[in-house]
Amino acid sequence: QVQLVESGGGSVQSGGSLRLSCAASGLDFNNYCMGWFRQAPGKEREGLAVIARDGKTSYTDSVKGRFTISQDNAKYLLTLQMNNLKPEDTAMYYCAADSKWWMSRNNDWRTWTNFGYWGQGTQVSVSS
């Protein structure tokens, strides 16, 4: 049974940093597509970053250069380092996984409905 548990959210001021973690169990990082999403009130869930089994990463334009996705295969830990946070980054952040590992090679990872496993989410609030 796949389980994803996020942690690390909180409240920061604009320009600050947060590091989100996602503890994964019941899956093999080598055979899963792992990603981070966020959802602000009244908005659709947005794909932020994905990491392929070879370590290659992709980002949505709004976070490129500010956020970094990484994974520790030994600890089954997915992380999202978020720097230079802005008020518009305020949202619930989710870790996601799916066995369609090839999604990281095209734009399919950007669509939240393509992922079958989700964490409970962690709230990030950025004040100006």
C-alpha atoms as a PDB file:
ATOM      1  CA  GLN A   1       0.000   0.000   0.000  1.00  0.00           C
ATOM      2  CA  VAL A   2       1.474   3.324  -1.101  1.00  0.00           C
ATOM      3  CA  GLN A   3       1.552   6.020   1.563  1.00  0.00           C
ATOM      4  CA  LEU A   4       2.805   9.584   1.257  1.00  0.00           C
ATOM      5  CA  VAL A   5       3.193  11.862   4.273  1.00  0.00           C
ATOM      6  CA  GLU A   6       4.177  15.508   3.832  1.00  0.00           C
ATOM      7  CA  SER A   7       5.734  17.768   6.417  1.00  0.00           C
ATOM      8  CA  GLY A   8       7.531  21.077   6.604  1.00  0.00           C
ATOM      9  CA  GLY A   9       4.849  23.607   5.768  1.00  0.00           C
ATOM     10  CA  GLY A  10       4.364  26.799   7.710  1.00  0.00           C
ATOM     11  CA  SER A  11       4.143  30.560   7.578  1.00  0.00           C
ATOM     12  CA  VAL A  12       6.956  32.763   6.305  1.00  0.00           C
ATOM     13  CA  GLN A  13       7.438  36.272   5.069  1.00  0.00           C
ATOM     14  CA  SER A  14       8.009  37.124   1.452  1.00  0.00           C
ATOM     15  CA  GLY A  15      11.549  36.229   0.439  1.00  0.00           C
ATOM     16  CA  GLY A  16      11.801  33.464   2.998  1.00  0.00           C
ATOM     17  CA  SER A  17      12.438  29.759   2.540  1.00  0.00           C
ATOM     18  CA  LEU A  18      10.789  26.492   3.468  1.00  0.00           C
ATOM     19  CA  ARG A  19      11.711  22.874   2.895  1.00  0.00           C
ATOM     20  CA  LEU A  20       8.933  20.376   2.369  1.00  0.00           C
ATOM     21  CA  SER A  21       9.449  16.669   2.858  1.00  0.00           C
ATOM     22  CA  CYS A  22       7.419  13.685   1.736  1.00  0.00           C
ATOM     23  CA  ALA A  23       8.028  10.323   3.366  1.00  0.00           C
ATOM     24  CA  ALA A  24       7.041   7.569   0.958  1.00  0.00           C
ATOM     25  CA  SER A  25       6.361   3.916   1.648  1.00  0.00           C
ATOM     26  CA  GLY A  26       5.008   1.006  -0.344  1.00  0.00           C
ATOM     27  CA  LEU A  27       6.668   2.023  -3.586  1.00  0.00           C
ATOM     28  CA  ASP A  28       9.962   1.905  -5.413  1.00  0.00           C
ATOM     29  CA  PHE A  29      11.281   5.322  -6.440  1.00  0.00           C
ATOM     30  CA  ASN A  30      12.880   3.700  -9.479  1.00  0.00           C
ATOM     31  CA  ASN A  31       9.485   2.694 -10.853  1.00  0.00           C
ATOM     32  CA  TYR A  32       7.369   5.686  -9.898  1.00  0.00           C
ATOM     33  CA  CYS A  33       6.952   9.240 -11.077  1.00  0.00           C
ATOM     34  CA  MET A  34       7.222  11.545  -8.047  1.00  0.00           C
ATOM     35  CA  GLY A  35       6.032  15.126  -8.030  1.00  0.00           C
ATOM     36  CA  TRP A  36       4.912  18.145  -6.034  1.00  0.00           C
ATOM     37  CA  PHE A  37       1.654  19.989  -6.579  1.00  0.00           C
ATOM     38  CA  ARG A  38      -0.130  22.857  -4.898  1.00  0.00           C
ATOM     39  CA  GLN A  39      -3.667  24.113  -4.719  1.00  0.00           C
ATOM     40  CA  ALA A  40      -4.738  27.593  -3.699  1.00  0.00           C
ATOM     41  CA  PRO A  41      -8.342  28.322  -2.680  1.00  0.00           C
ATOM     42  CA  GLY A  42     -10.588  28.519  -5.721  1.00  0.00           C
ATOM     43  CA  LYS A  43      -7.856  27.355  -8.089  1.00  0.00           C
ATOM     44  CA  GLU A  44      -7.061  24.086  -9.797  1.00  0.00           C
ATOM     45  CA  ARG A  45      -4.319  21.851  -8.457  1.00  0.00           C
ATOM     46  CA  GLU A  46      -1.076  22.870 -10.157  1.00  0.00           C
ATOM     47  CA  GLY A  47       1.931  20.709 -10.973  1.00  0.00           C
ATOM     48  CA  LEU A  48       5.127  22.330  -9.683  1.00  0.00           C
ATOM     49  CA  ALA A  49       7.975  19.887 -10.117  1.00  0.00           C
ATOM     50  CA  VAL A  50       8.738  16.314 -10.999  1.00  0.00           C
ATOM     51  CA  ILE A  51      11.799  14.119 -10.682  1.00  0.00           C
ATOM     52  CA  ALA A  52      12.564  11.166 -12.919  1.00  0.00           C
ATOM     53  CA  ARG A  53      14.139   7.934 -11.820  1.00  0.00           C
ATOM     54  CA  ASP A  54      17.404   9.086 -13.382  1.00  0.00           C
ATOM     55  CA  GLY A  55      17.279  12.251 -11.299  1.00  0.00           C
ATOM     56  CA  LYS A  56      16.262  14.565 -14.136  1.00  0.00           C
ATOM     57  CA  THR A  57      13.945  17.336 -12.936  1.00  0.00           C
ATOM     58  CA  SER A  58      11.300  19.519 -14.546  1.00  0.00           C
ATOM     59  CA  TYR A  59       9.532  22.583 -13.162  1.00  0.00           C
ATOM     60  CA  THR A  60       6.634  24.782 -13.982  1.00  0.00           C
ATOM     61  CA  ASP A  61       7.731  28.257 -15.027  1.00  0.00           C
ATOM     62  CA  SER A  62       6.401  30.064 -11.954  1.00  0.00           C
ATOM     63  CA  VAL A  63       8.762  28.217  -9.603  1.00  0.00           C
ATOM     64  CA  LYS A  64      11.750  27.611 -11.869  1.00  0.00           C
ATOM     65  CA  GLY A  65      14.923  28.957 -10.280  1.00  0.00           C
ATOM     66  CA  ARG A  66      13.289  29.214  -6.845  1.00  0.00           C
ATOM     67  CA  PHE A  67      12.190  25.660  -6.036  1.00  0.00           C
ATOM     68  CA  THR A  68      14.300  22.512  -6.136  1.00  0.00           C
ATOM     69  CA  ILE A  69      12.952  18.969  -6.078  1.00  0.00           C
ATOM     70  CA  SER A  70      15.150  16.118  -4.903  1.00  0.00           C
ATOM     71  CA  GLN A  71      14.837  12.607  -3.605  1.00  0.00           C
ATOM     72  CA  ASP A  72      16.783  10.338  -1.296  1.00  0.00           C
ATOM     73  CA  ASN A  73      16.377   6.819  -2.659  1.00  0.00           C
ATOM     74  CA  ALA A  74      17.810   5.215   0.465  1.00  0.00           C
ATOM     75  CA  LYS A  75      15.355   6.980   2.777  1.00  0.00           C
ATOM     76  CA  TYR A  76      12.406   7.085   0.359  1.00  0.00           C
ATOM     77  CA  LEU A  77      12.199  10.798   0.983  1.00  0.00           C
ATOM     78  CA  LEU A  78      11.077  13.393  -1.551  1.00  0.00           C
ATOM     79  CA  THR A  79      11.859  17.023  -0.798  1.00  0.00           C
ATOM     80  CA  LEU A  80      10.994  20.432  -2.188  1.00  0.00           C
ATOM     81  CA  GLN A  81      13.312  23.281  -1.251  1.00  0.00           C
ATOM     82  CA  MET A  82      11.480  26.562  -1.725  1.00  0.00           C
ATOM     83  CA  ASN A  83      13.446  29.804  -1.762  1.00  0.00           C
ATOM     84  CA  ASN A  84      12.464  33.412  -2.372  1.00  0.00           C
ATOM     85  CA  LEU A  85       8.870  32.652  -1.518  1.00  0.00           C
ATOM     86  CA  LYS A  86       6.178  35.044  -2.666  1.00  0.00           C
ATOM     87  CA  PRO A  87       2.636  35.669  -1.403  1.00  0.00           C
ATOM     88  CA  GLU A  88       1.301  33.985  -4.537  1.00  0.00           C
ATOM     89  CA  ASP A  89       2.997  30.767  -3.398  1.00  0.00           C
ATOM     90  CA  THR A  90       0.453  30.494  -0.598  1.00  0.00           C
ATOM     91  CA  ALA A  91      -1.370  27.188  -1.037  1.00  0.00           C
ATOM     92  CA  MET A  92      -1.768  23.641   0.183  1.00  0.00           C
ATOM     93  CA  TYR A  93       1.183  21.626  -1.083  1.00  0.00           C
ATOM     94  CA  TYR A  94       0.906  17.954  -1.999  1.00  0.00           C
ATOM     95  CA  CYS A  95       3.297  15.158  -2.737  1.00  0.00           C
ATOM     96  CA  ALA A  96       2.135  12.796  -5.492  1.00  0.00           C
ATOM     97  CA  ALA A  97       3.205   9.487  -6.970  1.00  0.00           C
ATOM     98  CA  ASP A  98       2.193   7.243  -9.813  1.00  0.00           C
ATOM     99  CA  SER A  99       3.516   4.069 -11.358  1.00  0.00           C
ATOM    100  CA  LYS A 100       3.531   5.687 -14.805  1.00  0.00           C
ATOM    101  CA  TRP A 101       7.158   6.636 -14.291  1.00  0.00           C
ATOM    102  CA  TRP A 102       7.493   7.813 -17.901  1.00  0.00           C
ATOM    103  CA  MET A 103       5.285  10.852 -17.214  1.00  0.00           C
ATOM    104  CA  SER A 104       8.381  12.728 -16.093  1.00  0.00           C
ATOM    105  CA  ARG A 105       9.604  12.596 -19.700  1.00  0.00           C
ATOM    106  CA  ASN A 106       6.701  14.549 -21.127  1.00  0.00           C
ATOM    107  CA  ASN A 107       4.129  17.069 -19.937  1.00  0.00           C
ATOM    108  CA  ASP A 108       1.736  14.480 -18.559  1.00  0.00           C
ATOM    109  CA  TRP A 109       3.147  15.041 -15.072  1.00  0.00           C
ATOM    110  CA  ARG A 110       1.632  18.551 -15.025  1.00  0.00           C
ATOM    111  CA  THR A 111      -1.907  17.160 -14.873  1.00  0.00           C
ATOM    112  CA  TRP A 112      -2.909  16.193 -11.352  1.00  0.00           C
ATOM    113  CA  THR A 113      -5.464  13.637 -12.475  1.00  0.00           C
ATOM    114  CA  ASN A 114      -2.627  11.515 -13.892  1.00  0.00           C
ATOM    115  CA  PHE A 115      -1.359  10.760 -10.393  1.00  0.00           C
ATOM    116  CA  GLY A 116      -2.951   8.002  -8.357  1.00  0.00           C
ATOM    117  CA  TYR A 117      -1.386   8.510  -4.951  1.00  0.00           C
ATOM    118  CA  TRP A 118      -1.461  11.640  -2.819  1.00  0.00           C
ATOM    119  CA  GLY A 119      -0.350  12.815   0.559  1.00  0.00           C
ATOM    120  CA  GLN A 120      -2.616  14.685   2.931  1.00  0.00           C
ATOM    121  CA  GLY A 121      -1.046  18.028   2.094  1.00  0.00           C
ATOM    122  CA  THR A 122       0.848  20.648   4.061  1.00  0.00           C
ATOM    123  CA  GLN A 123      -0.079  24.327   4.196  1.00  0.00           C
ATOM    124  CA  VAL A 124       2.335  27.040   3.089  1.00  0.00           C
ATOM    125  CA  SER A 125       1.456  30.660   3.812  1.00  0.00           C
ATOM    126  CA  VAL A 126       3.588  33.564   2.629  1.00  0.00           C
ATOM    127  CA  SER A 127       2.907  37.065   3.874  1.00  0.00           C
ATOM    128  CA  SER A 128       4.045  40.269   2.213  1.00  0.00           C
END
